N, C-alpha and C. Protein backbone atom coordinates (compact mmCIF):
# COMPACT_ATOMS: atom_id res chain seq x y z
N MET A 1 3.95 -28.08 11.22
CA MET A 1 5.06 -28.82 10.66
C MET A 1 6.21 -28.79 11.67
N SER A 2 6.87 -29.92 11.89
CA SER A 2 7.94 -29.99 12.87
C SER A 2 9.20 -29.31 12.34
N GLU A 3 10.13 -28.99 13.25
CA GLU A 3 11.39 -28.38 12.84
C GLU A 3 12.16 -29.30 11.92
N GLU A 4 12.06 -30.62 12.16
CA GLU A 4 12.78 -31.57 11.33
C GLU A 4 12.28 -31.53 9.89
N GLN A 5 10.95 -31.47 9.70
CA GLN A 5 10.38 -31.39 8.35
C GLN A 5 10.79 -30.09 7.67
N THR A 6 10.79 -28.97 8.39
CA THR A 6 11.18 -27.69 7.82
C THR A 6 12.64 -27.71 7.40
N ALA A 7 13.50 -28.33 8.21
CA ALA A 7 14.92 -28.38 7.92
C ALA A 7 15.21 -29.18 6.64
N GLU A 8 14.33 -30.09 6.27
CA GLU A 8 14.54 -30.92 5.09
C GLU A 8 14.24 -30.17 3.80
N LYS A 9 13.60 -29.03 3.87
CA LYS A 9 13.29 -28.27 2.66
C LYS A 9 14.55 -27.63 2.12
N GLN A 10 14.77 -27.84 0.82
CA GLN A 10 15.96 -27.26 0.18
C GLN A 10 15.62 -26.80 -1.22
N ILE A 11 16.16 -25.67 -1.57
CA ILE A 11 16.18 -25.26 -2.98
C ILE A 11 17.58 -24.69 -3.22
N LEU A 12 18.29 -25.35 -4.12
CA LEU A 12 19.66 -24.98 -4.42
C LEU A 12 19.84 -24.84 -5.92
N ILE A 13 20.61 -23.85 -6.30
CA ILE A 13 20.96 -23.69 -7.72
C ILE A 13 22.09 -24.66 -8.01
N GLN A 14 21.87 -25.56 -8.95
CA GLN A 14 22.89 -26.51 -9.35
C GLN A 14 23.74 -25.95 -10.50
N LYS A 15 23.07 -25.26 -11.42
CA LYS A 15 23.75 -24.73 -12.61
C LYS A 15 22.88 -23.65 -13.24
N LEU A 16 23.52 -22.57 -13.72
CA LEU A 16 22.85 -21.53 -14.49
C LEU A 16 23.55 -21.46 -15.84
N TYR A 17 22.77 -21.34 -16.92
CA TYR A 17 23.38 -21.32 -18.25
C TYR A 17 22.45 -20.71 -19.28
N LEU A 18 23.07 -20.21 -20.35
CA LEU A 18 22.34 -19.70 -21.50
C LEU A 18 22.09 -20.89 -22.41
N LYS A 19 20.81 -21.26 -22.56
CA LYS A 19 20.46 -22.46 -23.33
C LYS A 19 20.34 -22.16 -24.82
N ASP A 20 19.83 -20.98 -25.15
CA ASP A 20 19.64 -20.61 -26.55
C ASP A 20 19.52 -19.09 -26.61
N ALA A 21 19.94 -18.52 -27.74
CA ALA A 21 19.82 -17.08 -27.92
C ALA A 21 19.84 -16.76 -29.41
N SER A 22 19.12 -15.72 -29.78
CA SER A 22 19.16 -15.26 -31.17
C SER A 22 18.92 -13.75 -31.20
N PHE A 23 19.49 -13.14 -32.24
CA PHE A 23 19.32 -11.71 -32.45
C PHE A 23 19.17 -11.49 -33.94
N GLU A 24 18.15 -10.72 -34.31
CA GLU A 24 17.93 -10.36 -35.71
C GLU A 24 17.71 -8.86 -35.80
N ALA A 25 18.30 -8.26 -36.81
CA ALA A 25 18.09 -6.83 -37.10
C ALA A 25 17.81 -6.73 -38.59
N PRO A 26 16.59 -7.08 -39.00
CA PRO A 26 16.28 -7.21 -40.43
C PRO A 26 16.29 -5.91 -41.22
N ALA A 27 16.16 -4.78 -40.58
CA ALA A 27 16.04 -3.51 -41.32
C ALA A 27 17.34 -2.69 -41.30
N THR A 28 18.44 -3.32 -40.90
CA THR A 28 19.71 -2.58 -40.88
C THR A 28 20.28 -2.54 -42.29
N PRO A 29 21.01 -1.53 -42.67
CA PRO A 29 21.44 -0.38 -41.87
C PRO A 29 20.45 0.78 -41.91
N GLY A 30 19.41 0.71 -42.73
CA GLY A 30 18.49 1.83 -42.88
C GLY A 30 17.84 2.28 -41.58
N VAL A 31 17.58 1.35 -40.68
CA VAL A 31 16.89 1.68 -39.44
C VAL A 31 17.73 2.59 -38.54
N TYR A 32 19.07 2.57 -38.71
CA TYR A 32 19.94 3.40 -37.88
C TYR A 32 19.73 4.90 -38.13
N SER A 33 19.25 5.25 -39.30
CA SER A 33 19.07 6.67 -39.62
C SER A 33 17.70 7.21 -39.19
N GLN A 34 16.83 6.34 -38.68
CA GLN A 34 15.52 6.77 -38.22
C GLN A 34 15.59 7.26 -36.77
N GLU A 35 14.63 8.13 -36.42
CA GLU A 35 14.55 8.59 -35.04
C GLU A 35 14.25 7.39 -34.14
N TRP A 36 15.01 7.27 -33.07
CA TRP A 36 14.90 6.07 -32.22
C TRP A 36 13.86 6.26 -31.13
N ARG A 37 12.62 5.92 -31.45
CA ARG A 37 11.51 5.90 -30.50
C ARG A 37 10.73 4.62 -30.72
N PRO A 38 11.33 3.50 -30.35
CA PRO A 38 10.71 2.22 -30.67
C PRO A 38 9.57 1.86 -29.74
N GLU A 39 8.71 1.01 -30.24
CA GLU A 39 7.71 0.34 -29.41
C GLU A 39 8.33 -1.02 -29.10
N ILE A 40 8.47 -1.32 -27.83
CA ILE A 40 9.08 -2.58 -27.42
C ILE A 40 7.98 -3.53 -26.95
N ASN A 41 7.93 -4.70 -27.56
CA ASN A 41 7.01 -5.75 -27.13
C ASN A 41 7.83 -6.83 -26.44
N LEU A 42 7.38 -7.23 -25.26
CA LEU A 42 8.10 -8.20 -24.45
C LEU A 42 7.22 -9.41 -24.23
N ASN A 43 7.80 -10.60 -24.40
CA ASN A 43 7.08 -11.85 -24.19
C ASN A 43 7.92 -12.71 -23.26
N LEU A 44 7.30 -13.22 -22.21
CA LEU A 44 7.97 -14.08 -21.23
C LEU A 44 7.26 -15.43 -21.18
N GLN A 45 8.05 -16.49 -21.13
CA GLN A 45 7.49 -17.84 -20.98
C GLN A 45 8.44 -18.66 -20.13
N THR A 46 7.89 -19.62 -19.41
CA THR A 46 8.73 -20.54 -18.66
C THR A 46 8.34 -21.97 -19.00
N LYS A 47 9.34 -22.83 -18.99
CA LYS A 47 9.14 -24.27 -19.16
C LYS A 47 9.99 -24.94 -18.10
N ASN A 48 9.58 -26.14 -17.73
CA ASN A 48 10.40 -26.89 -16.79
C ASN A 48 10.30 -28.37 -17.08
N SER A 49 11.32 -29.08 -16.65
CA SER A 49 11.32 -30.54 -16.81
C SER A 49 12.17 -31.16 -15.71
N GLU A 50 11.84 -32.41 -15.38
CA GLU A 50 12.64 -33.15 -14.41
C GLU A 50 13.92 -33.59 -15.10
N VAL A 51 15.05 -33.43 -14.41
CA VAL A 51 16.32 -33.85 -14.98
C VAL A 51 17.07 -34.80 -14.05
N GLY A 52 16.47 -35.14 -12.95
CA GLY A 52 17.08 -36.06 -11.98
C GLY A 52 16.24 -36.06 -10.73
N GLU A 53 16.65 -36.87 -9.77
CA GLU A 53 15.90 -36.94 -8.53
C GLU A 53 15.92 -35.59 -7.82
N ASP A 54 14.75 -35.03 -7.61
CA ASP A 54 14.58 -33.72 -6.97
C ASP A 54 15.22 -32.58 -7.75
N GLN A 55 15.52 -32.78 -9.03
CA GLN A 55 16.14 -31.74 -9.83
C GLN A 55 15.23 -31.36 -10.99
N ARG A 56 15.09 -30.05 -11.18
CA ARG A 56 14.27 -29.52 -12.27
C ARG A 56 15.10 -28.54 -13.07
N GLU A 57 14.95 -28.64 -14.39
CA GLU A 57 15.49 -27.60 -15.25
C GLU A 57 14.35 -26.62 -15.49
N VAL A 58 14.60 -25.35 -15.24
CA VAL A 58 13.63 -24.29 -15.50
C VAL A 58 14.25 -23.40 -16.57
N VAL A 59 13.47 -23.14 -17.63
CA VAL A 59 13.94 -22.31 -18.73
C VAL A 59 13.02 -21.10 -18.84
N LEU A 60 13.62 -19.93 -18.71
CA LEU A 60 12.90 -18.67 -18.88
C LEU A 60 13.22 -18.15 -20.27
N SER A 61 12.18 -18.02 -21.10
CA SER A 61 12.35 -17.48 -22.45
C SER A 61 11.87 -16.04 -22.46
N VAL A 62 12.75 -15.14 -22.89
CA VAL A 62 12.43 -13.72 -22.96
C VAL A 62 12.64 -13.28 -24.40
N THR A 63 11.59 -12.75 -25.02
CA THR A 63 11.68 -12.23 -26.38
C THR A 63 11.32 -10.75 -26.35
N ALA A 64 12.19 -9.94 -26.93
CA ALA A 64 11.94 -8.49 -27.03
C ALA A 64 11.99 -8.11 -28.51
N GLU A 65 10.96 -7.41 -28.95
CA GLU A 65 10.90 -6.94 -30.34
C GLU A 65 10.75 -5.43 -30.33
N ALA A 66 11.62 -4.76 -31.07
CA ALA A 66 11.57 -3.30 -31.18
C ALA A 66 11.08 -2.94 -32.57
N LYS A 67 10.02 -2.12 -32.62
CA LYS A 67 9.46 -1.69 -33.90
C LYS A 67 9.45 -0.17 -33.98
N LEU A 68 9.75 0.32 -35.15
CA LEU A 68 9.61 1.74 -35.47
C LEU A 68 8.49 1.79 -36.50
N GLY A 69 7.29 2.11 -36.04
CA GLY A 69 6.13 2.04 -36.93
C GLY A 69 5.91 0.59 -37.32
N GLU A 70 5.92 0.32 -38.62
CA GLU A 70 5.73 -1.05 -39.12
C GLU A 70 7.06 -1.79 -39.30
N THR A 71 8.16 -1.08 -39.12
CA THR A 71 9.49 -1.65 -39.35
C THR A 71 10.02 -2.31 -38.09
N THR A 72 10.44 -3.57 -38.23
CA THR A 72 11.06 -4.26 -37.11
C THR A 72 12.54 -3.88 -37.06
N ALA A 73 12.93 -3.21 -35.99
CA ALA A 73 14.33 -2.81 -35.82
C ALA A 73 15.16 -4.01 -35.39
N PHE A 74 14.67 -4.72 -34.35
CA PHE A 74 15.36 -5.93 -33.92
C PHE A 74 14.41 -6.85 -33.17
N ILE A 75 14.79 -8.11 -33.16
CA ILE A 75 14.14 -9.13 -32.34
C ILE A 75 15.26 -9.87 -31.63
N VAL A 76 15.17 -9.95 -30.32
CA VAL A 76 16.16 -10.69 -29.54
C VAL A 76 15.41 -11.69 -28.66
N GLU A 77 15.94 -12.91 -28.64
CA GLU A 77 15.31 -13.96 -27.83
C GLU A 77 16.41 -14.68 -27.04
N VAL A 78 16.17 -14.83 -25.75
CA VAL A 78 17.11 -15.49 -24.87
C VAL A 78 16.36 -16.56 -24.08
N HIS A 79 16.95 -17.74 -24.01
CA HIS A 79 16.44 -18.82 -23.17
C HIS A 79 17.47 -19.03 -22.06
N GLN A 80 17.20 -18.44 -20.91
CA GLN A 80 18.08 -18.56 -19.75
C GLN A 80 17.59 -19.73 -18.92
N ALA A 81 18.49 -20.63 -18.58
CA ALA A 81 18.08 -21.85 -17.88
C ALA A 81 18.86 -22.04 -16.59
N GLY A 82 18.30 -22.89 -15.77
CA GLY A 82 18.97 -23.29 -14.55
C GLY A 82 18.48 -24.65 -14.12
N VAL A 83 19.35 -25.37 -13.46
CA VAL A 83 18.97 -26.63 -12.83
C VAL A 83 18.91 -26.35 -11.33
N PHE A 84 17.78 -26.70 -10.75
CA PHE A 84 17.52 -26.43 -9.34
C PHE A 84 17.23 -27.73 -8.60
N LEU A 85 17.85 -27.89 -7.44
CA LEU A 85 17.51 -28.97 -6.54
C LEU A 85 16.36 -28.46 -5.68
N ILE A 86 15.22 -29.12 -5.77
CA ILE A 86 14.04 -28.72 -5.01
C ILE A 86 13.59 -29.94 -4.23
N LYS A 87 13.74 -29.87 -2.92
CA LYS A 87 13.53 -31.06 -2.09
C LYS A 87 12.74 -30.71 -0.83
N GLY A 88 11.78 -31.54 -0.51
CA GLY A 88 11.06 -31.41 0.75
C GLY A 88 9.86 -30.49 0.73
N PHE A 89 9.49 -29.98 -0.44
CA PHE A 89 8.35 -29.09 -0.55
C PHE A 89 7.12 -29.87 -1.02
N SER A 90 5.94 -29.37 -0.66
CA SER A 90 4.71 -29.98 -1.16
C SER A 90 4.62 -29.74 -2.67
N GLN A 91 3.71 -30.44 -3.33
CA GLN A 91 3.53 -30.27 -4.77
C GLN A 91 3.14 -28.83 -5.10
N GLU A 92 2.26 -28.25 -4.30
CA GLU A 92 1.83 -26.87 -4.53
C GLU A 92 2.99 -25.89 -4.34
N GLU A 93 3.78 -26.09 -3.29
CA GLU A 93 4.94 -25.22 -3.05
C GLU A 93 5.96 -25.35 -4.18
N THR A 94 6.20 -26.58 -4.62
CA THR A 94 7.15 -26.83 -5.72
C THR A 94 6.68 -26.13 -6.98
N HIS A 95 5.38 -26.21 -7.25
CA HIS A 95 4.81 -25.56 -8.44
C HIS A 95 5.06 -24.06 -8.39
N GLN A 96 4.86 -23.46 -7.22
CA GLN A 96 5.09 -22.01 -7.08
C GLN A 96 6.57 -21.67 -7.19
N LEU A 97 7.44 -22.50 -6.65
CA LEU A 97 8.88 -22.26 -6.77
C LEU A 97 9.30 -22.27 -8.24
N ILE A 98 8.80 -23.25 -8.99
CA ILE A 98 9.13 -23.38 -10.41
C ILE A 98 8.51 -22.24 -11.22
N GLY A 99 7.30 -21.81 -10.84
CA GLY A 99 6.59 -20.80 -11.60
C GLY A 99 6.95 -19.36 -11.27
N ALA A 100 7.53 -19.12 -10.09
CA ALA A 100 7.81 -17.73 -9.69
C ALA A 100 9.23 -17.55 -9.16
N TYR A 101 9.61 -18.35 -8.19
CA TYR A 101 10.92 -18.16 -7.55
C TYR A 101 12.07 -18.36 -8.53
N CYS A 102 12.06 -19.47 -9.26
CA CYS A 102 13.15 -19.76 -10.21
C CYS A 102 13.22 -18.71 -11.33
N PRO A 103 12.10 -18.34 -11.96
CA PRO A 103 12.18 -17.28 -12.98
C PRO A 103 12.71 -15.96 -12.42
N ASN A 104 12.38 -15.64 -11.15
CA ASN A 104 12.93 -14.44 -10.52
C ASN A 104 14.45 -14.50 -10.45
N LEU A 105 15.00 -15.68 -10.21
CA LEU A 105 16.45 -15.84 -10.17
C LEU A 105 17.07 -15.79 -11.56
N LEU A 106 16.38 -16.29 -12.56
CA LEU A 106 16.91 -16.36 -13.93
C LEU A 106 16.82 -15.03 -14.67
N PHE A 107 15.83 -14.21 -14.36
CA PHE A 107 15.57 -13.00 -15.14
C PHE A 107 16.76 -12.04 -15.23
N PRO A 108 17.48 -11.75 -14.15
CA PRO A 108 18.61 -10.81 -14.30
C PRO A 108 19.66 -11.29 -15.31
N PHE A 109 19.87 -12.59 -15.39
CA PHE A 109 20.84 -13.13 -16.36
C PHE A 109 20.31 -12.96 -17.79
N ALA A 110 19.02 -13.21 -17.98
CA ALA A 110 18.41 -13.03 -19.31
C ALA A 110 18.44 -11.56 -19.70
N ARG A 111 18.14 -10.68 -18.75
CA ARG A 111 18.15 -9.24 -19.02
C ARG A 111 19.53 -8.78 -19.44
N GLU A 112 20.57 -9.26 -18.76
CA GLU A 112 21.94 -8.89 -19.11
C GLU A 112 22.30 -9.36 -20.53
N ALA A 113 21.91 -10.59 -20.87
CA ALA A 113 22.20 -11.12 -22.20
C ALA A 113 21.49 -10.29 -23.27
N ILE A 114 20.24 -9.92 -23.03
CA ILE A 114 19.49 -9.11 -24.00
C ILE A 114 20.15 -7.75 -24.18
N THR A 115 20.53 -7.12 -23.08
CA THR A 115 21.21 -5.82 -23.15
C THR A 115 22.48 -5.93 -24.00
N ASP A 116 23.25 -7.00 -23.78
CA ASP A 116 24.48 -7.20 -24.56
C ASP A 116 24.19 -7.37 -26.04
N PHE A 117 23.22 -8.21 -26.38
CA PHE A 117 22.90 -8.45 -27.79
C PHE A 117 22.44 -7.17 -28.49
N VAL A 118 21.57 -6.42 -27.83
CA VAL A 118 21.05 -5.19 -28.42
C VAL A 118 22.19 -4.19 -28.65
N GLY A 119 23.08 -4.05 -27.68
CA GLY A 119 24.22 -3.14 -27.84
C GLY A 119 25.15 -3.58 -28.96
N LYS A 120 25.40 -4.88 -29.05
CA LYS A 120 26.27 -5.39 -30.11
C LYS A 120 25.61 -5.28 -31.48
N GLY A 121 24.29 -5.15 -31.48
CA GLY A 121 23.56 -4.94 -32.73
C GLY A 121 23.58 -3.49 -33.19
N GLY A 122 24.23 -2.61 -32.42
CA GLY A 122 24.36 -1.21 -32.82
C GLY A 122 23.22 -0.32 -32.37
N PHE A 123 22.38 -0.83 -31.46
CA PHE A 123 21.22 -0.06 -31.00
C PHE A 123 21.48 0.51 -29.62
N PRO A 124 20.77 1.60 -29.26
CA PRO A 124 20.88 2.13 -27.91
C PRO A 124 20.50 1.05 -26.90
N GLY A 125 21.10 1.12 -25.74
CA GLY A 125 20.88 0.11 -24.71
C GLY A 125 19.42 -0.13 -24.39
N LEU A 126 19.08 -1.37 -24.18
CA LEU A 126 17.73 -1.75 -23.77
C LEU A 126 17.84 -2.36 -22.38
N LEU A 127 17.31 -1.66 -21.40
CA LEU A 127 17.31 -2.18 -20.04
C LEU A 127 15.88 -2.55 -19.69
N LEU A 128 15.64 -3.84 -19.60
CA LEU A 128 14.31 -4.32 -19.25
C LEU A 128 14.05 -4.06 -17.77
N GLN A 129 12.86 -3.61 -17.48
CA GLN A 129 12.48 -3.35 -16.10
C GLN A 129 12.27 -4.67 -15.36
N PRO A 130 12.45 -4.68 -14.05
CA PRO A 130 12.20 -5.92 -13.29
C PRO A 130 10.78 -6.42 -13.51
N VAL A 131 10.63 -7.72 -13.40
CA VAL A 131 9.33 -8.38 -13.59
C VAL A 131 8.94 -9.03 -12.27
N ASN A 132 7.68 -8.86 -11.88
CA ASN A 132 7.18 -9.48 -10.66
C ASN A 132 6.59 -10.85 -11.02
N PHE A 133 7.43 -11.87 -10.99
CA PHE A 133 6.98 -13.21 -11.36
C PHE A 133 6.00 -13.78 -10.35
N ASP A 134 6.07 -13.33 -9.10
CA ASP A 134 5.10 -13.78 -8.10
C ASP A 134 3.69 -13.33 -8.49
N ALA A 135 3.56 -12.08 -8.91
CA ALA A 135 2.25 -11.56 -9.33
C ALA A 135 1.79 -12.25 -10.61
N LEU A 136 2.71 -12.49 -11.55
CA LEU A 136 2.33 -13.19 -12.79
C LEU A 136 1.87 -14.61 -12.49
N TYR A 137 2.55 -15.27 -11.57
CA TYR A 137 2.17 -16.63 -11.19
C TYR A 137 0.77 -16.64 -10.57
N MET A 138 0.50 -15.71 -9.65
CA MET A 138 -0.82 -15.64 -9.02
C MET A 138 -1.90 -15.35 -10.05
N GLN A 139 -1.61 -14.45 -10.99
CA GLN A 139 -2.56 -14.13 -12.05
C GLN A 139 -2.85 -15.37 -12.89
N GLN A 140 -1.81 -16.12 -13.23
CA GLN A 140 -1.99 -17.34 -14.02
C GLN A 140 -2.84 -18.36 -13.26
N MET A 141 -2.60 -18.51 -11.96
CA MET A 141 -3.38 -19.45 -11.15
C MET A 141 -4.85 -19.03 -11.09
N GLU A 142 -5.09 -17.74 -10.97
CA GLU A 142 -6.47 -17.24 -10.94
C GLU A 142 -7.17 -17.50 -12.28
N GLU A 143 -6.44 -17.26 -13.39
CA GLU A 143 -7.02 -17.51 -14.71
C GLU A 143 -7.31 -18.98 -14.93
N MET A 144 -6.43 -19.85 -14.44
CA MET A 144 -6.65 -21.29 -14.57
C MET A 144 -7.85 -21.74 -13.74
N ALA A 145 -7.99 -21.19 -12.54
CA ALA A 145 -9.13 -21.52 -11.69
C ALA A 145 -10.43 -21.05 -12.33
N LYS A 146 -10.40 -19.86 -12.91
CA LYS A 146 -11.59 -19.32 -13.57
C LYS A 146 -11.95 -20.17 -14.79
N ALA A 147 -10.96 -20.54 -15.58
CA ALA A 147 -11.20 -21.37 -16.76
C ALA A 147 -11.75 -22.73 -16.36
N LYS A 148 -11.25 -23.28 -15.27
CA LYS A 148 -11.73 -24.57 -14.79
C LYS A 148 -13.19 -24.46 -14.35
N ALA A 149 -13.53 -23.37 -13.70
CA ALA A 149 -14.91 -23.15 -13.24
C ALA A 149 -15.87 -22.97 -14.40
N GLU A 150 -15.35 -22.43 -15.53
CA GLU A 150 -16.19 -22.19 -16.70
C GLU A 150 -16.09 -23.32 -17.72
N ALA A 151 -15.41 -24.40 -17.36
CA ALA A 151 -15.18 -25.51 -18.30
C ALA A 151 -16.50 -26.17 -18.69
N PRO A 152 -16.51 -26.81 -19.87
CA PRO A 152 -17.72 -27.54 -20.30
C PRO A 152 -18.14 -28.53 -19.22
N GLY A 153 -19.41 -28.68 -19.07
CA GLY A 153 -19.93 -29.55 -18.02
C GLY A 153 -20.40 -28.73 -16.83
N THR A 154 -20.02 -27.47 -16.80
CA THR A 154 -20.48 -26.58 -15.74
C THR A 154 -21.30 -25.44 -16.34
N ASP A 155 -21.87 -25.71 -17.52
CA ASP A 155 -22.67 -24.68 -18.19
C ASP A 155 -23.85 -24.26 -17.31
N LYS A 156 -24.14 -22.99 -17.37
CA LYS A 156 -25.27 -22.44 -16.60
C LYS A 156 -26.27 -21.88 -17.61
N HIS A 157 -27.20 -22.71 -18.02
CA HIS A 157 -28.21 -22.27 -19.01
C HIS A 157 -29.47 -21.87 -18.32
């Protein structure tokens, strides 16, 4: 690839914003008197859409649920979004940027919002550990390739 083609590649953050958020603490106030050793379930999802020429909105949805036995202490969900200018990349490179690079940029903002909601809900701080979106993206690509290889029409009887 020539220097001119490389120089044309751009990824710029146009806007970062909290698109949606919710917090529920259905078992309060009784849950506050229980010993705090929750099981935390974390769910991550990303969506993206075109919003203009070379612009994509990427939305990282993070849901954390804390349970004490069968009791749900809280559920917090944050949809952290950003608009990114992505220009000059191949389709495969763009797909990886949207699937890994952008969520890596959005996650710290989602983590901060979740920590704030949990604290305001009266619970001990919840600090989510960093997530390796590059590894998750590669895993997803491997699973898709495997599923495609095992798709109907390729039966081995």
